[in-house]
Amino acid sequence: MNARGDVTEDQIIDCATLGSAAEFRVSLQLAEAADFVTLVYYDSVSNVELRWLDDDHLNVDLGKAKWLTPQIDHLGHVKISYTYSGAEPSLE
């Protein structure tokens, strides 16, 4: 959480359907918002690190990602940067 109250989370959603894979995503909830907004979906073999550089800049380190979706790089007053290796963003 930054000083303004914006919250970021690395979320894992376990699908209840037999044979379905878990869903990995990084989300951000602005202090004035009611819900989280997904910034990126990914499949990583590393631990994700979320770092506030200051109140307006968030760095998301996805480590060695196998795949990821295109990322949101700006939400409200927060600019988001990403670090990762091993994958190119894809909508598939």
N, C-alpha and C. Protein backbone atom coordinates (compact mmCIF):
# COMPACT_ATOMS: atom_id res chain seq x y z
N MET A 1 0.85 -1.17 0.00
CA MET A 1 0.00 0.00 0.00
C MET A 1 0.90 1.24 0.00
N ASN A 2 0.52 2.23 -0.78
CA ASN A 2 1.26 3.49 -0.74
C ASN A 2 0.63 4.42 0.29
N ALA A 3 1.22 5.61 0.46
CA ALA A 3 0.74 6.55 1.49
C ALA A 3 -0.67 7.05 1.20
N ARG A 4 -1.10 7.04 -0.04
CA ARG A 4 -2.43 7.52 -0.42
C ARG A 4 -3.51 6.47 -0.14
N GLY A 5 -3.09 5.20 0.03
CA GLY A 5 -4.06 4.13 0.29
C GLY A 5 -4.35 3.24 -0.90
N ASP A 6 -3.60 3.43 -2.02
CA ASP A 6 -3.74 2.53 -3.17
C ASP A 6 -3.13 1.18 -2.78
N VAL A 7 -3.79 0.09 -3.18
CA VAL A 7 -3.36 -1.26 -2.79
C VAL A 7 -3.12 -2.09 -4.04
N THR A 8 -2.03 -2.84 -4.05
CA THR A 8 -1.76 -3.77 -5.13
C THR A 8 -1.62 -5.17 -4.56
N GLU A 9 -2.06 -6.16 -5.35
CA GLU A 9 -2.02 -7.55 -4.90
C GLU A 9 -1.64 -8.47 -6.04
N ASP A 10 -0.88 -9.50 -5.71
CA ASP A 10 -0.65 -10.63 -6.59
C ASP A 10 -1.74 -11.63 -6.23
N GLN A 11 -2.66 -11.89 -7.15
CA GLN A 11 -3.82 -12.72 -6.85
C GLN A 11 -3.76 -14.04 -7.61
N ILE A 12 -4.12 -15.12 -6.93
CA ILE A 12 -4.25 -16.43 -7.56
C ILE A 12 -5.69 -16.88 -7.35
N ILE A 13 -6.41 -17.05 -8.44
CA ILE A 13 -7.79 -17.47 -8.39
C ILE A 13 -7.83 -18.95 -8.78
N ASP A 14 -8.24 -19.78 -7.85
CA ASP A 14 -8.32 -21.21 -8.11
C ASP A 14 -9.68 -21.53 -8.72
N CYS A 15 -9.66 -22.03 -9.95
CA CYS A 15 -10.91 -22.37 -10.64
C CYS A 15 -11.50 -23.65 -10.04
N ALA A 16 -12.79 -23.65 -9.81
CA ALA A 16 -13.45 -24.79 -9.17
C ALA A 16 -13.74 -25.92 -10.15
N THR A 17 -13.65 -25.65 -11.44
CA THR A 17 -13.94 -26.67 -12.44
C THR A 17 -12.81 -27.69 -12.49
N LEU A 18 -13.15 -28.94 -12.46
CA LEU A 18 -12.17 -30.01 -12.52
C LEU A 18 -11.33 -29.89 -13.78
N GLY A 19 -10.03 -29.89 -13.63
CA GLY A 19 -9.13 -29.80 -14.77
C GLY A 19 -8.80 -28.39 -15.20
N SER A 20 -9.40 -27.37 -14.58
CA SER A 20 -9.10 -25.99 -14.92
C SER A 20 -7.86 -25.52 -14.17
N ALA A 21 -7.08 -24.70 -14.82
CA ALA A 21 -5.86 -24.17 -14.22
C ALA A 21 -6.18 -22.94 -13.37
N ALA A 22 -5.35 -22.70 -12.39
CA ALA A 22 -5.48 -21.49 -11.59
C ALA A 22 -5.17 -20.27 -12.45
N GLU A 23 -5.72 -19.13 -12.08
CA GLU A 23 -5.53 -17.88 -12.81
C GLU A 23 -4.64 -16.96 -11.98
N PHE A 24 -3.52 -16.52 -12.56
CA PHE A 24 -2.58 -15.64 -11.87
C PHE A 24 -2.73 -14.23 -12.44
N ARG A 25 -2.82 -13.24 -11.54
CA ARG A 25 -2.96 -11.86 -12.00
C ARG A 25 -2.44 -10.90 -10.95
N VAL A 26 -2.07 -9.71 -11.41
CA VAL A 26 -1.69 -8.62 -10.53
C VAL A 26 -2.77 -7.57 -10.66
N SER A 27 -3.29 -7.10 -9.52
CA SER A 27 -4.39 -6.14 -9.52
C SER A 27 -4.06 -4.93 -8.67
N LEU A 28 -4.73 -3.82 -8.97
CA LEU A 28 -4.54 -2.56 -8.25
C LEU A 28 -5.90 -2.00 -7.88
N GLN A 29 -6.03 -1.57 -6.65
CA GLN A 29 -7.24 -0.88 -6.19
C GLN A 29 -6.83 0.52 -5.76
N LEU A 30 -7.32 1.52 -6.48
CA LEU A 30 -7.05 2.90 -6.08
C LEU A 30 -7.80 3.22 -4.80
N ALA A 31 -7.27 4.12 -4.00
CA ALA A 31 -7.85 4.43 -2.69
C ALA A 31 -9.32 4.83 -2.79
N GLU A 32 -9.68 5.53 -3.85
CA GLU A 32 -11.06 5.99 -3.99
C GLU A 32 -11.97 5.00 -4.71
N ALA A 33 -11.43 3.85 -5.11
CA ALA A 33 -12.20 2.87 -5.88
C ALA A 33 -12.74 1.77 -4.98
N ALA A 34 -13.85 1.17 -5.40
CA ALA A 34 -14.48 0.09 -4.64
C ALA A 34 -13.88 -1.27 -4.99
N ASP A 35 -13.35 -1.43 -6.22
CA ASP A 35 -12.90 -2.73 -6.69
C ASP A 35 -11.47 -2.70 -7.20
N PHE A 36 -10.87 -3.88 -7.26
CA PHE A 36 -9.56 -4.04 -7.87
C PHE A 36 -9.71 -4.06 -9.39
N VAL A 37 -8.69 -3.57 -10.10
CA VAL A 37 -8.61 -3.64 -11.55
C VAL A 37 -7.41 -4.52 -11.88
N THR A 38 -7.60 -5.51 -12.74
CA THR A 38 -6.50 -6.39 -13.14
C THR A 38 -5.57 -5.64 -14.07
N LEU A 39 -4.27 -5.66 -13.73
CA LEU A 39 -3.25 -4.99 -14.53
C LEU A 39 -2.64 -5.93 -15.57
N VAL A 40 -2.47 -7.20 -15.20
CA VAL A 40 -1.86 -8.18 -16.09
C VAL A 40 -2.21 -9.58 -15.60
N TYR A 41 -2.43 -10.49 -16.54
CA TYR A 41 -2.54 -11.93 -16.25
C TYR A 41 -1.21 -12.53 -16.66
N TYR A 42 -0.75 -13.56 -15.95
CA TYR A 42 0.57 -14.13 -16.24
C TYR A 42 0.63 -15.58 -15.78
N ASP A 43 1.68 -16.26 -16.24
CA ASP A 43 2.03 -17.57 -15.72
C ASP A 43 3.53 -17.53 -15.49
N SER A 44 3.94 -17.56 -14.26
CA SER A 44 5.33 -17.33 -13.91
C SER A 44 5.91 -18.50 -13.15
N VAL A 45 7.19 -18.71 -13.31
CA VAL A 45 7.89 -19.73 -12.54
C VAL A 45 8.65 -19.10 -11.38
N SER A 46 8.51 -17.80 -11.20
CA SER A 46 9.19 -17.06 -10.14
C SER A 46 8.17 -16.39 -9.22
N ASN A 47 8.63 -15.93 -8.08
CA ASN A 47 7.78 -15.14 -7.21
C ASN A 47 7.63 -13.74 -7.78
N VAL A 48 6.45 -13.20 -7.70
CA VAL A 48 6.17 -11.85 -8.17
C VAL A 48 6.52 -10.86 -7.06
N GLU A 49 7.18 -9.77 -7.44
CA GLU A 49 7.50 -8.72 -6.47
C GLU A 49 6.79 -7.43 -6.90
N LEU A 50 6.07 -6.84 -5.95
CA LEU A 50 5.35 -5.58 -6.19
C LEU A 50 6.01 -4.52 -5.33
N ARG A 51 6.52 -3.45 -5.96
CA ARG A 51 7.24 -2.41 -5.23
C ARG A 51 6.70 -1.02 -5.58
N TRP A 52 6.31 -0.28 -4.55
CA TRP A 52 5.97 1.12 -4.75
C TRP A 52 7.28 1.90 -4.77
N LEU A 53 7.58 2.58 -5.88
CA LEU A 53 8.78 3.41 -5.97
C LEU A 53 8.52 4.75 -5.29
N ASP A 54 7.30 5.23 -5.38
CA ASP A 54 6.77 6.37 -4.65
C ASP A 54 5.25 6.28 -4.77
N ASP A 55 4.51 7.28 -4.31
CA ASP A 55 3.05 7.19 -4.32
C ASP A 55 2.44 7.10 -5.72
N ASP A 56 3.19 7.52 -6.74
CA ASP A 56 2.66 7.55 -8.10
C ASP A 56 3.26 6.52 -9.04
N HIS A 57 4.20 5.70 -8.56
CA HIS A 57 4.89 4.74 -9.43
C HIS A 57 4.98 3.37 -8.77
N LEU A 58 4.46 2.36 -9.48
CA LEU A 58 4.48 0.98 -9.03
C LEU A 58 5.33 0.16 -10.00
N ASN A 59 6.22 -0.68 -9.48
CA ASN A 59 6.98 -1.61 -10.30
C ASN A 59 6.51 -3.02 -10.02
N VAL A 60 6.19 -3.76 -11.09
CA VAL A 60 5.74 -5.14 -11.00
C VAL A 60 6.83 -6.01 -11.62
N ASP A 61 7.48 -6.83 -10.81
CA ASP A 61 8.52 -7.74 -11.30
C ASP A 61 7.91 -9.14 -11.39
N LEU A 62 7.69 -9.62 -12.62
CA LEU A 62 7.08 -10.92 -12.85
C LEU A 62 8.10 -12.05 -12.94
N GLY A 63 9.38 -11.73 -12.83
CA GLY A 63 10.42 -12.75 -12.89
C GLY A 63 10.45 -13.43 -14.26
N LYS A 64 10.58 -14.74 -14.26
CA LYS A 64 10.62 -15.50 -15.51
C LYS A 64 9.20 -15.92 -15.86
N ALA A 65 8.53 -15.11 -16.63
CA ALA A 65 7.15 -15.38 -17.04
C ALA A 65 7.14 -16.31 -18.24
N LYS A 66 6.25 -17.31 -18.21
CA LYS A 66 6.08 -18.20 -19.37
C LYS A 66 5.19 -17.54 -20.42
N TRP A 67 4.16 -16.82 -19.97
CA TRP A 67 3.32 -16.02 -20.86
C TRP A 67 2.66 -14.93 -20.03
N LEU A 68 2.23 -13.87 -20.70
CA LEU A 68 1.52 -12.80 -20.03
C LEU A 68 0.68 -12.04 -21.05
N THR A 69 -0.32 -11.35 -20.54
CA THR A 69 -1.18 -10.53 -21.40
C THR A 69 -0.56 -9.14 -21.52
N PRO A 70 -1.02 -8.33 -22.49
CA PRO A 70 -0.60 -6.94 -22.51
C PRO A 70 -0.92 -6.29 -21.16
N GLN A 71 -0.05 -5.39 -20.74
CA GLN A 71 -0.17 -4.81 -19.41
C GLN A 71 -0.79 -3.41 -19.43
N ILE A 72 -1.50 -3.09 -18.37
CA ILE A 72 -1.97 -1.72 -18.16
C ILE A 72 -0.81 -0.96 -17.54
N ASP A 73 -0.41 0.15 -18.16
CA ASP A 73 0.75 0.89 -17.66
C ASP A 73 0.38 2.19 -16.94
N HIS A 74 -0.94 2.47 -16.82
CA HIS A 74 -1.37 3.69 -16.15
C HIS A 74 -2.79 3.48 -15.65
N LEU A 75 -3.01 3.74 -14.38
CA LEU A 75 -4.36 3.64 -13.82
C LEU A 75 -4.54 4.80 -12.86
N GLY A 76 -5.46 5.70 -13.19
CA GLY A 76 -5.64 6.90 -12.36
C GLY A 76 -4.35 7.68 -12.31
N HIS A 77 -3.87 7.96 -11.12
CA HIS A 77 -2.63 8.73 -10.93
C HIS A 77 -1.40 7.84 -10.82
N VAL A 78 -1.55 6.52 -10.97
CA VAL A 78 -0.44 5.58 -10.79
C VAL A 78 0.11 5.12 -12.14
N LYS A 79 1.42 5.26 -12.32
CA LYS A 79 2.12 4.74 -13.49
C LYS A 79 2.75 3.42 -13.09
N ILE A 80 2.61 2.41 -13.96
CA ILE A 80 3.06 1.07 -13.64
C ILE A 80 4.12 0.64 -14.64
N SER A 81 5.24 0.13 -14.12
CA SER A 81 6.29 -0.42 -14.97
C SER A 81 6.42 -1.91 -14.65
N TYR A 82 6.88 -2.68 -15.65
CA TYR A 82 6.96 -4.13 -15.53
C TYR A 82 8.37 -4.60 -15.86
N THR A 83 8.81 -5.63 -15.14
CA THR A 83 10.07 -6.29 -15.39
C THR A 83 9.78 -7.78 -15.50
N TYR A 84 10.29 -8.42 -16.56
CA TYR A 84 10.09 -9.86 -16.71
C TYR A 84 11.02 -10.36 -17.80
N SER A 85 11.20 -11.66 -17.87
CA SER A 85 11.97 -12.27 -18.95
C SER A 85 11.28 -13.56 -19.37
N GLY A 86 11.52 -13.99 -20.62
CA GLY A 86 11.04 -15.28 -21.07
C GLY A 86 9.73 -15.29 -21.80
N ALA A 87 9.04 -14.16 -21.93
CA ALA A 87 7.72 -14.17 -22.59
C ALA A 87 7.50 -12.86 -23.34
N GLU A 88 6.67 -12.94 -24.35
CA GLU A 88 6.17 -11.76 -25.07
C GLU A 88 4.68 -11.65 -24.77
N PRO A 89 4.17 -10.43 -24.52
CA PRO A 89 2.74 -10.27 -24.25
C PRO A 89 1.88 -10.81 -25.38
N SER A 90 0.80 -11.51 -25.02
CA SER A 90 -0.10 -12.13 -25.99
C SER A 90 -1.51 -12.17 -25.42
N LEU A 91 -2.49 -12.08 -26.29
CA LEU A 91 -3.89 -12.18 -25.86
C LEU A 91 -4.37 -13.62 -25.84
N GLU A 92 -3.55 -14.57 -26.23
CA GLU A 92 -3.95 -15.98 -26.24
C GLU A 92 -3.79 -16.61 -24.89
